[in-house]
């Protein structure tokens, strides 16, 4: 079992709409899992602007259903003691 937490190891911002209706830009990232940092998942970072994404940023898993499959995506962890502007 894993906690769902991790950190961004590497990322790129994609500006190419590869499919009709695909919203751009979007972030494709490698996320290292907290429980085993040598296990990386290639995934999308969602729920934030591309300018907020950084190497080393803490992330948490969220799942999005696409037909019969639940896809693991990640969003930035928001510190509760810091006001968002």
PDB file of N, CA and C in Angstrom:
ATOM      1  N   UNK A   1       0.845  -1.163   0.000  1.00  0.00           N
ATOM      2  CA  UNK A   1       0.000   0.000   0.000  1.00  0.00           C
ATOM      3  C   UNK A   1       0.898   1.236   0.000  1.00  0.00           C
ATOM      4  N   UNK A   2       0.466   2.268  -0.690  1.00  0.00           N
ATOM      5  CA  UNK A   2       1.218   3.519  -0.740  1.00  0.00           C
ATOM      6  C   UNK A   2       0.324   4.672  -0.298  1.00  0.00           C
ATOM      7  N   UNK A   3       0.937   5.762   0.137  1.00  0.00           N
ATOM      8  CA  UNK A   3       0.201   6.899   0.695  1.00  0.00           C
ATOM      9  C   UNK A   3      -0.445   7.786  -0.357  1.00  0.00           C
ATOM     10  N   UNK A   4       0.082   7.760  -1.573  1.00  0.00           N
ATOM     11  CA  UNK A   4      -0.417   8.662  -2.610  1.00  0.00           C
ATOM     12  C   UNK A   4       0.379   9.942  -2.710  1.00  0.00           C
ATOM     13  N   UNK A   5       1.416  10.068  -1.894  1.00  0.00           N
ATOM     14  CA  UNK A   5       2.260  11.259  -1.928  1.00  0.00           C
ATOM     15  C   UNK A   5       3.516  11.017  -2.740  1.00  0.00           C
ATOM     16  N   UNK A   6       4.100  12.123  -3.198  1.00  0.00           N
ATOM     17  CA  UNK A   6       5.331  12.014  -3.951  1.00  0.00           C
ATOM     18  C   UNK A   6       5.906  13.379  -4.251  1.00  0.00           C
ATOM     19  N   UNK A   7       6.909  13.400  -5.116  1.00  0.00           N
ATOM     20  CA  UNK A   7       7.565  14.640  -5.514  1.00  0.00           C
ATOM     21  C   UNK A   7       7.850  14.594  -7.014  1.00  0.00           C
ATOM     22  N   UNK A   8       7.771  15.754  -7.648  1.00  0.00           N
ATOM     23  CA  UNK A   8       8.057  15.850  -9.075  1.00  0.00           C
ATOM     24  C   UNK A   8       9.564  15.746  -9.287  1.00  0.00           C
ATOM     25  N   UNK A   9       9.967  14.800 -10.135  1.00  0.00           N
ATOM     26  CA  UNK A   9      11.378  14.573 -10.443  1.00  0.00           C
ATOM     27  C   UNK A   9      11.765  15.315 -11.730  1.00  0.00           C
ATOM     28  N   UNK A  10      10.858  15.306 -12.689  1.00  0.00           N
ATOM     29  CA  UNK A  10      11.093  15.951 -13.982  1.00  0.00           C
ATOM     30  C   UNK A  10       9.738  16.244 -14.603  1.00  0.00           C
ATOM     31  N   UNK A  11       9.683  17.247 -15.473  1.00  0.00           N
ATOM     32  CA  UNK A  11       8.418  17.528 -16.143  1.00  0.00           C
ATOM     33  C   UNK A  11       8.655  18.302 -17.429  1.00  0.00           C
ATOM     34  N   UNK A  12       7.624  18.307 -18.268  1.00  0.00           N
ATOM     35  CA  UNK A  12       7.602  19.125 -19.471  1.00  0.00           C
ATOM     36  C   UNK A  12       6.207  19.700 -19.635  1.00  0.00           C
ATOM     37  N   UNK A  13       6.133  20.851 -20.266  1.00  0.00           N
ATOM     38  CA  UNK A  13       4.844  21.471 -20.567  1.00  0.00           C
ATOM     39  C   UNK A  13       4.563  21.244 -22.044  1.00  0.00           C
ATOM     40  N   UNK A  14       3.413  20.635 -22.334  1.00  0.00           N
ATOM     41  CA  UNK A  14       3.046  20.320 -23.708  1.00  0.00           C
ATOM     42  C   UNK A  14       2.063  21.363 -24.226  1.00  0.00           C
ATOM     43  N   UNK A  15       2.383  21.950 -25.372  1.00  0.00           N
ATOM     44  CA  UNK A  15       1.530  22.952 -26.011  1.00  0.00           C
ATOM     45  C   UNK A  15       0.857  22.426 -27.270  1.00  0.00           C
ATOM     46  N   UNK A  16       1.112  21.165 -27.619  1.00  0.00           N
ATOM     47  CA  UNK A  16       0.574  20.567 -28.835  1.00  0.00           C
ATOM     48  C   UNK A  16      -0.746  19.854 -28.533  1.00  0.00           C
ATOM     49  N   UNK A  17      -1.843  20.252 -29.177  1.00  0.00           N
ATOM     50  CA  UNK A  17      -3.106  19.521 -28.998  1.00  0.00           C
ATOM     51  C   UNK A  17      -3.111  18.250 -29.858  1.00  0.00           C
ATOM     52  N   UNK A  18      -2.667  17.140 -29.297  1.00  0.00           N
ATOM     53  CA  UNK A  18      -2.493  15.889 -30.047  1.00  0.00           C
ATOM     54  C   UNK A  18      -3.811  15.282 -30.489  1.00  0.00           C
ATOM     55  N   UNK A  19      -4.887  15.597 -29.786  1.00  0.00           N
ATOM     56  CA  UNK A  19      -6.206  15.071 -30.136  1.00  0.00           C
ATOM     57  C   UNK A  19      -7.187  16.227 -30.212  1.00  0.00           C
ATOM     58  N   UNK A  20      -8.205  16.122 -31.042  1.00  0.00           N
ATOM     59  CA  UNK A  20      -9.219  17.175 -31.080  1.00  0.00           C
ATOM     60  C   UNK A  20      -9.852  17.351 -29.690  1.00  0.00           C
ATOM     61  N   UNK A  21      -9.954  18.583 -29.236  1.00  0.00           N
ATOM     62  CA  UNK A  21     -10.565  18.858 -27.940  1.00  0.00           C
ATOM     63  C   UNK A  21      -9.618  18.777 -26.760  1.00  0.00           C
ATOM     64  N   UNK A  22      -8.368  18.384 -26.976  1.00  0.00           N
ATOM     65  CA  UNK A  22      -7.396  18.296 -25.884  1.00  0.00           C
ATOM     66  C   UNK A  22      -6.985  19.696 -25.459  1.00  0.00           C
ATOM     67  N   UNK A  23      -7.183  20.001 -24.184  1.00  0.00           N
ATOM     68  CA  UNK A  23      -6.843  21.326 -23.671  1.00  0.00           C
ATOM     69  C   UNK A  23      -5.343  21.454 -23.454  1.00  0.00           C
ATOM     70  N   UNK A  24      -4.768  22.513 -23.973  1.00  0.00           N
ATOM     71  CA  UNK A  24      -3.346  22.800 -23.797  1.00  0.00           C
ATOM     72  C   UNK A  24      -3.204  24.188 -23.186  1.00  0.00           C
ATOM     73  N   UNK A  25      -2.111  24.469 -22.502  1.00  0.00           N
ATOM     74  CA  UNK A  25      -1.005  23.561 -22.215  1.00  0.00           C
ATOM     75  C   UNK A  25      -1.346  22.614 -21.063  1.00  0.00           C
ATOM     76  N   UNK A  26      -0.583  21.527 -20.986  1.00  0.00           N
ATOM     77  CA  UNK A  26      -0.705  20.599 -19.859  1.00  0.00           C
ATOM     78  C   UNK A  26       0.677  20.081 -19.501  1.00  0.00           C
ATOM     79  N   UNK A  27       0.788  19.585 -18.264  1.00  0.00           N
ATOM     80  CA  UNK A  27       2.077  19.130 -17.741  1.00  0.00           C
ATOM     81  C   UNK A  27       2.129  17.607 -17.716  1.00  0.00           C
ATOM     82  N   UNK A  28       3.202  17.054 -18.277  1.00  0.00           N
ATOM     83  CA  UNK A  28       3.532  15.633 -18.163  1.00  0.00           C
ATOM     84  C   UNK A  28       4.748  15.560 -17.249  1.00  0.00           C
ATOM     85  N   UNK A  29       4.668  14.729 -16.207  1.00  0.00           N
ATOM     86  CA  UNK A  29       5.743  14.700 -15.215  1.00  0.00           C
ATOM     87  C   UNK A  29       6.087  13.281 -14.794  1.00  0.00           C
ATOM     88  N   UNK A  30       7.318  13.131 -14.304  1.00  0.00           N
ATOM     89  CA  UNK A  30       7.714  11.942 -13.556  1.00  0.00           C
ATOM     90  C   UNK A  30       7.562  12.286 -12.083  1.00  0.00           C
ATOM     91  N   UNK A  31       6.828  11.431 -11.360  1.00  0.00           N
ATOM     92  CA  UNK A  31       6.626  11.606  -9.925  1.00  0.00           C
ATOM     93  C   UNK A  31       7.249  10.428  -9.198  1.00  0.00           C
ATOM     94  N   UNK A  32       8.144  10.723  -8.246  1.00  0.00           N
ATOM     95  CA  UNK A  32       8.750   9.695  -7.407  1.00  0.00           C
ATOM     96  C   UNK A  32       7.842   9.479  -6.196  1.00  0.00           C
ATOM     97  N   UNK A  33       7.497   8.224  -5.931  1.00  0.00           N
ATOM     98  CA  UNK A  33       6.615   7.907  -4.810  1.00  0.00           C
ATOM     99  C   UNK A  33       7.355   8.019  -3.477  1.00  0.00           C
ATOM    100  N   UNK A  34       6.652   8.488  -2.454  1.00  0.00           N
ATOM    101  CA  UNK A  34       7.260   8.658  -1.127  1.00  0.00           C
ATOM    102  C   UNK A  34       7.823   7.353  -0.574  1.00  0.00           C
ATOM    103  N   UNK A  35       7.093   6.264  -0.743  1.00  0.00           N
ATOM    104  CA  UNK A  35       7.494   4.991  -0.137  1.00  0.00           C
ATOM    105  C   UNK A  35       8.688   4.348  -0.823  1.00  0.00           C
ATOM    106  N   UNK A  36       8.935   4.700  -2.059  1.00  0.00           N
ATOM    107  CA  UNK A  36      10.059   4.121  -2.788  1.00  0.00           C
ATOM    108  C   UNK A  36      10.462   5.108  -3.875  1.00  0.00           C
ATOM    109  N   UNK A  37      11.420   5.961  -3.558  1.00  0.00           N
ATOM    110  CA  UNK A  37      11.762   7.083  -4.431  1.00  0.00           C
ATOM    111  C   UNK A  37      12.364   6.663  -5.778  1.00  0.00           C
ATOM    112  N   UNK A  38      12.753   5.400  -5.916  1.00  0.00           N
ATOM    113  CA  UNK A  38      13.250   4.957  -7.226  1.00  0.00           C
ATOM    114  C   UNK A  38      12.126   4.424  -8.116  1.00  0.00           C
ATOM    115  N   UNK A  39      10.887   4.469  -7.624  1.00  0.00           N
ATOM    116  CA  UNK A  39       9.719   4.138  -8.442  1.00  0.00           C
ATOM    117  C   UNK A  39       9.098   5.452  -8.902  1.00  0.00           C
ATOM    118  N   UNK A  40       9.126   5.663 -10.210  1.00  0.00           N
ATOM    119  CA  UNK A  40       8.585   6.891 -10.804  1.00  0.00           C
ATOM    120  C   UNK A  40       7.372   6.552 -11.651  1.00  0.00           C
ATOM    121  N   UNK A  41       6.364   7.410 -11.581  1.00  0.00           N
ATOM    122  CA  UNK A  41       5.197   7.287 -12.446  1.00  0.00           C
ATOM    123  C   UNK A  41       5.198   8.433 -13.439  1.00  0.00           C
ATOM    124  N   UNK A  42       4.947   8.135 -14.721  1.00  0.00           N
ATOM    125  CA  UNK A  42       4.738   9.201 -15.695  1.00  0.00           C
ATOM    126  C   UNK A  42       3.254   9.526 -15.645  1.00  0.00           C
ATOM    127  N   UNK A  43       2.928  10.790 -15.447  1.00  0.00           N
ATOM    128  CA  UNK A  43       1.563  11.184 -15.182  1.00  0.00           C
ATOM    129  C   UNK A  43       1.351  12.638 -15.570  1.00  0.00           C
ATOM    130  N   UNK A  44       0.132  13.104 -15.404  1.00  0.00           N
ATOM    131  CA  UNK A  44      -0.173  14.521 -15.601  1.00  0.00           C
ATOM    132  C   UNK A  44      -0.312  15.196 -14.248  1.00  0.00           C
ATOM    133  N   UNK A  45       0.097  16.459 -14.190  1.00  0.00           N
ATOM    134  CA  UNK A  45      -0.122  17.297 -13.011  1.00  0.00           C
ATOM    135  C   UNK A  45      -1.344  18.145 -13.324  1.00  0.00           C
ATOM    136  N   UNK A  46      -2.360  18.073 -12.471  1.00  0.00           N
ATOM    137  CA  UNK A  46      -3.636  18.732 -12.734  1.00  0.00           C
ATOM    138  C   UNK A  46      -3.992  19.694 -11.597  1.00  0.00           C
ATOM    139  N   UNK A  47      -4.969  20.560 -11.869  1.00  0.00           N
ATOM    140  CA  UNK A  47      -5.510  21.424 -10.824  1.00  0.00           C
ATOM    141  C   UNK A  47      -4.681  22.645 -10.508  1.00  0.00           C
ATOM    142  N   UNK A  48      -3.758  23.009 -11.384  1.00  0.00           N
ATOM    143  CA  UNK A  48      -2.924  24.189 -11.160  1.00  0.00           C
ATOM    144  C   UNK A  48      -2.483  24.737 -12.511  1.00  0.00           C
ATOM    145  N   UNK A  49      -1.925  25.933 -12.496  1.00  0.00           N
ATOM    146  CA  UNK A  49      -1.380  26.483 -13.740  1.00  0.00           C
ATOM    147  C   UNK A  49      -0.022  25.838 -14.007  1.00  0.00           C
ATOM    148  N   UNK A  50       0.390  25.818 -15.258  1.00  0.00           N
ATOM    149  CA  UNK A  50       1.681  25.219 -15.595  1.00  0.00           C
ATOM    150  C   UNK A  50       2.831  25.985 -14.942  1.00  0.00           C
ATOM    151  N   UNK A  51       2.641  27.268 -14.678  1.00  0.00           N
ATOM    152  CA  UNK A  51       3.690  28.079 -14.047  1.00  0.00           C
ATOM    153  C   UNK A  51       3.954  27.689 -12.591  1.00  0.00           C
ATOM    154  N   UNK A  52       3.005  27.015 -11.950  1.00  0.00           N
ATOM    155  CA  UNK A  52       3.165  26.605 -10.554  1.00  0.00           C
ATOM    156  C   UNK A  52       3.984  25.326 -10.387  1.00  0.00           C
ATOM    157  N   UNK A  53       4.148  24.567 -11.448  1.00  0.00           N
ATOM    158  CA  UNK A  53       4.821  23.264 -11.380  1.00  0.00           C
ATOM    159  C   UNK A  53       6.327  23.468 -11.323  1.00  0.00           C
ATOM    160  N   UNK A  54       6.991  22.719 -10.429  1.00  0.00           N
ATOM    161  CA  UNK A  54       8.438  22.833 -10.278  1.00  0.00           C
ATOM    162  C   UNK A  54       9.019  21.488  -9.864  1.00  0.00           C
ATOM    163  N   UNK A  55      10.254  21.252 -10.254  1.00  0.00           N
ATOM    164  CA  UNK A  55      10.959  20.047  -9.804  1.00  0.00           C
ATOM    165  C   UNK A  55      11.091  20.110  -8.284  1.00  0.00           C
ATOM    166  N   UNK A  56      10.786  18.997  -7.644  1.00  0.00           N
ATOM    167  CA  UNK A  56      10.833  18.919  -6.190  1.00  0.00           C
ATOM    168  C   UNK A  56       9.515  19.250  -5.514  1.00  0.00           C
ATOM    169  N   UNK A  57       8.543  19.768  -6.263  1.00  0.00           N
ATOM    170  CA  UNK A  57       7.242  20.108  -5.673  1.00  0.00           C
ATOM    171  C   UNK A  57       6.558  18.855  -5.149  1.00  0.00           C
ATOM    172  N   UNK A  58       5.916  18.982  -4.003  1.00  0.00           N
ATOM    173  CA  UNK A  58       5.177  17.878  -3.394  1.00  0.00           C
ATOM    174  C   UNK A  58       3.829  17.731  -4.089  1.00  0.00           C
ATOM    175  N   UNK A  59       3.417  16.483  -4.337  1.00  0.00           N
ATOM    176  CA  UNK A  59       2.157  16.192  -5.007  1.00  0.00           C
ATOM    177  C   UNK A  59       1.404  15.075  -4.294  1.00  0.00           C
ATOM    178  N   UNK A  60       0.090  15.015  -4.554  1.00  0.00           N
ATOM    179  CA  UNK A  60      -0.783  13.962  -4.028  1.00  0.00           C
ATOM    180  C   UNK A  60      -1.583  13.388  -5.186  1.00  0.00           C
ATOM    181  N   UNK A  61      -1.857  12.099  -5.119  1.00  0.00           N
ATOM    182  CA  UNK A  61      -2.599  11.435  -6.184  1.00  0.00           C
ATOM    183  C   UNK A  61      -4.078  11.806  -6.142  1.00  0.00           C
ATOM    184  N   UNK A  62      -4.665  11.919  -7.320  1.00  0.00           N
ATOM    185  CA  UNK A  62      -6.112  12.012  -7.518  1.00  0.00           C
ATOM    186  C   UNK A  62      -6.427  11.051  -8.662  1.00  0.00           C
ATOM    187  N   UNK A  63      -7.634  10.523  -8.681  1.00  0.00           N
ATOM    188  CA  UNK A  63      -7.991   9.563  -9.716  1.00  0.00           C
ATOM    189  C   UNK A  63      -9.099  10.130 -10.593  1.00  0.00           C
ATOM    190  N   UNK A  64      -8.957   9.919 -11.896  1.00  0.00           N
ATOM    191  CA  UNK A  64      -9.953  10.369 -12.864  1.00  0.00           C
ATOM    192  C   UNK A  64     -10.452   9.150 -13.634  1.00  0.00           C
ATOM    193  N   UNK A  65     -11.762   8.993 -13.668  1.00  0.00           N
ATOM    194  CA  UNK A  65     -12.320   7.862 -14.398  1.00  0.00           C
ATOM    195  C   UNK A  65     -12.401   8.184 -15.882  1.00  0.00           C
ATOM    196  N   UNK A  66     -11.849   7.292 -16.697  1.00  0.00           N
ATOM    197  CA  UNK A  66     -11.926   7.389 -18.147  1.00  0.00           C
ATOM    198  C   UNK A  66     -12.481   6.063 -18.635  1.00  0.00           C
ATOM    199  N   UNK A  67     -13.774   6.065 -18.917  1.00  0.00           N
ATOM    200  CA  UNK A  67     -14.532   4.866 -19.250  1.00  0.00           C
ATOM    201  C   UNK A  67     -14.469   3.889 -18.077  1.00  0.00           C
ATOM    202  N   UNK A  68     -13.909   2.701 -18.267  1.00  0.00           N
ATOM    203  CA  UNK A  68     -13.875   1.688 -17.200  1.00  0.00           C
ATOM    204  C   UNK A  68     -12.596   1.733 -16.357  1.00  0.00           C
ATOM    205  N   UNK A  69     -11.721   2.688 -16.636  1.00  0.00           N
ATOM    206  CA  UNK A  69     -10.406   2.735 -15.981  1.00  0.00           C
ATOM    207  C   UNK A  69     -10.289   3.987 -15.118  1.00  0.00           C
ATOM    208  N   UNK A  70      -9.693   3.848 -13.942  1.00  0.00           N
ATOM    209  CA  UNK A  70      -9.376   4.988 -13.074  1.00  0.00           C
ATOM    210  C   UNK A  70      -7.900   5.314 -13.257  1.00  0.00           C
ATOM    211  N   UNK A  71      -7.610   6.517 -13.752  1.00  0.00           N
ATOM    212  CA  UNK A  71      -6.248   6.928 -14.100  1.00  0.00           C
ATOM    213  C   UNK A  71      -5.658   7.744 -12.946  1.00  0.00           C
ATOM    214  N   UNK A  72      -4.455   7.377 -12.462  1.00  0.00           N
ATOM    215  CA  UNK A  72      -3.829   8.170 -11.398  1.00  0.00           C
ATOM    216  C   UNK A  72      -3.183   9.436 -11.978  1.00  0.00           C
ATOM    217  N   UNK A  73      -3.648  10.570 -11.500  1.00  0.00           N
ATOM    218  CA  UNK A  73      -3.076  11.867 -11.835  1.00  0.00           C
ATOM    219  C   UNK A  73      -2.585  12.475 -10.532  1.00  0.00           C
ATOM    220  N   UNK A  74      -1.838  13.552 -10.600  1.00  0.00           N
ATOM    221  CA  UNK A  74      -1.339  14.173  -9.380  1.00  0.00           C
ATOM    222  C   UNK A  74      -1.642  15.660  -9.386  1.00  0.00           C
ATOM    223  N   UNK A  75      -1.866  16.200  -8.186  1.00  0.00           N
ATOM    224  CA  UNK A  75      -2.039  17.630  -8.010  1.00  0.00           C
ATOM    225  C   UNK A  75      -1.056  18.112  -6.964  1.00  0.00           C
ATOM    226  N   UNK A  76      -0.705  19.396  -7.029  1.00  0.00           N
ATOM    227  CA  UNK A  76       0.232  19.967  -6.064  1.00  0.00           C
ATOM    228  C   UNK A  76      -0.363  19.933  -4.669  1.00  0.00           C
ATOM    229  N   UNK A  77       0.467  19.614  -3.685  1.00  0.00           N
ATOM    230  CA  UNK A  77       0.034  19.728  -2.298  1.00  0.00           C
ATOM    231  C   UNK A  77      -0.018  21.197  -1.945  1.00  0.00           C
ATOM    232  N   UNK A  78      -1.066  21.593  -1.306  1.00  0.00           N
ATOM    233  CA  UNK A  78      -1.210  22.982  -0.866  1.00  0.00           C
ATOM    234  C   UNK A  78      -0.998  23.022   0.628  1.00  0.00           C
ATOM    235  N   UNK A  79      -0.045  23.820   1.066  1.00  0.00           N
ATOM    236  CA  UNK A  79       0.190  23.954   2.504  1.00  0.00           C
ATOM    237  C   UNK A  79      -0.978  24.719   3.111  1.00  0.00           C
ATOM    238  N   UNK A  80      -1.516  24.182   4.191  1.00  0.00           N
ATOM    239  CA  UNK A  80      -2.681  24.785   4.826  1.00  0.00           C
ATOM    240  C   UNK A  80      -2.352  26.063   5.580  1.00  0.00           C
ATOM    241  N   UNK A  81      -1.068  26.249   5.919  1.00  0.00           N
ATOM    242  CA  UNK A  81      -0.701  27.433   6.699  1.00  0.00           C
ATOM    243  C   UNK A  81      -0.240  28.596   5.821  1.00  0.00           C
ATOM    244  N   UNK A  82      -0.350  28.439   4.488  1.00  0.00           N
ATOM    245  CA  UNK A  82       0.060  29.494   3.557  1.00  0.00           C
ATOM    246  C   UNK A  82      -1.148  29.939   2.761  1.00  0.00           C
ATOM    247  N   UNK A  83      -1.416  31.228   2.751  1.00  0.00           N
ATOM    248  CA  UNK A  83      -2.538  31.769   1.983  1.00  0.00           C
ATOM    249  C   UNK A  83      -2.216  31.748   0.498  1.00  0.00           C
ATOM    250  N   UNK A  84      -3.188  31.331  -0.303  1.00  0.00           N
ATOM    251  CA  UNK A  84      -3.034  31.324  -1.757  1.00  0.00           C
ATOM    252  C   UNK A  84      -3.472  32.677  -2.274  1.00  0.00           C
ATOM    253  N   UNK A  85      -2.657  33.284  -3.143  1.00  0.00           N
ATOM    254  CA  UNK A  85      -3.000  34.609  -3.681  1.00  0.00           C
ATOM    255  C   UNK A  85      -3.412  34.521  -5.107  1.00  0.00           C
TER     256      UNK A  85
END
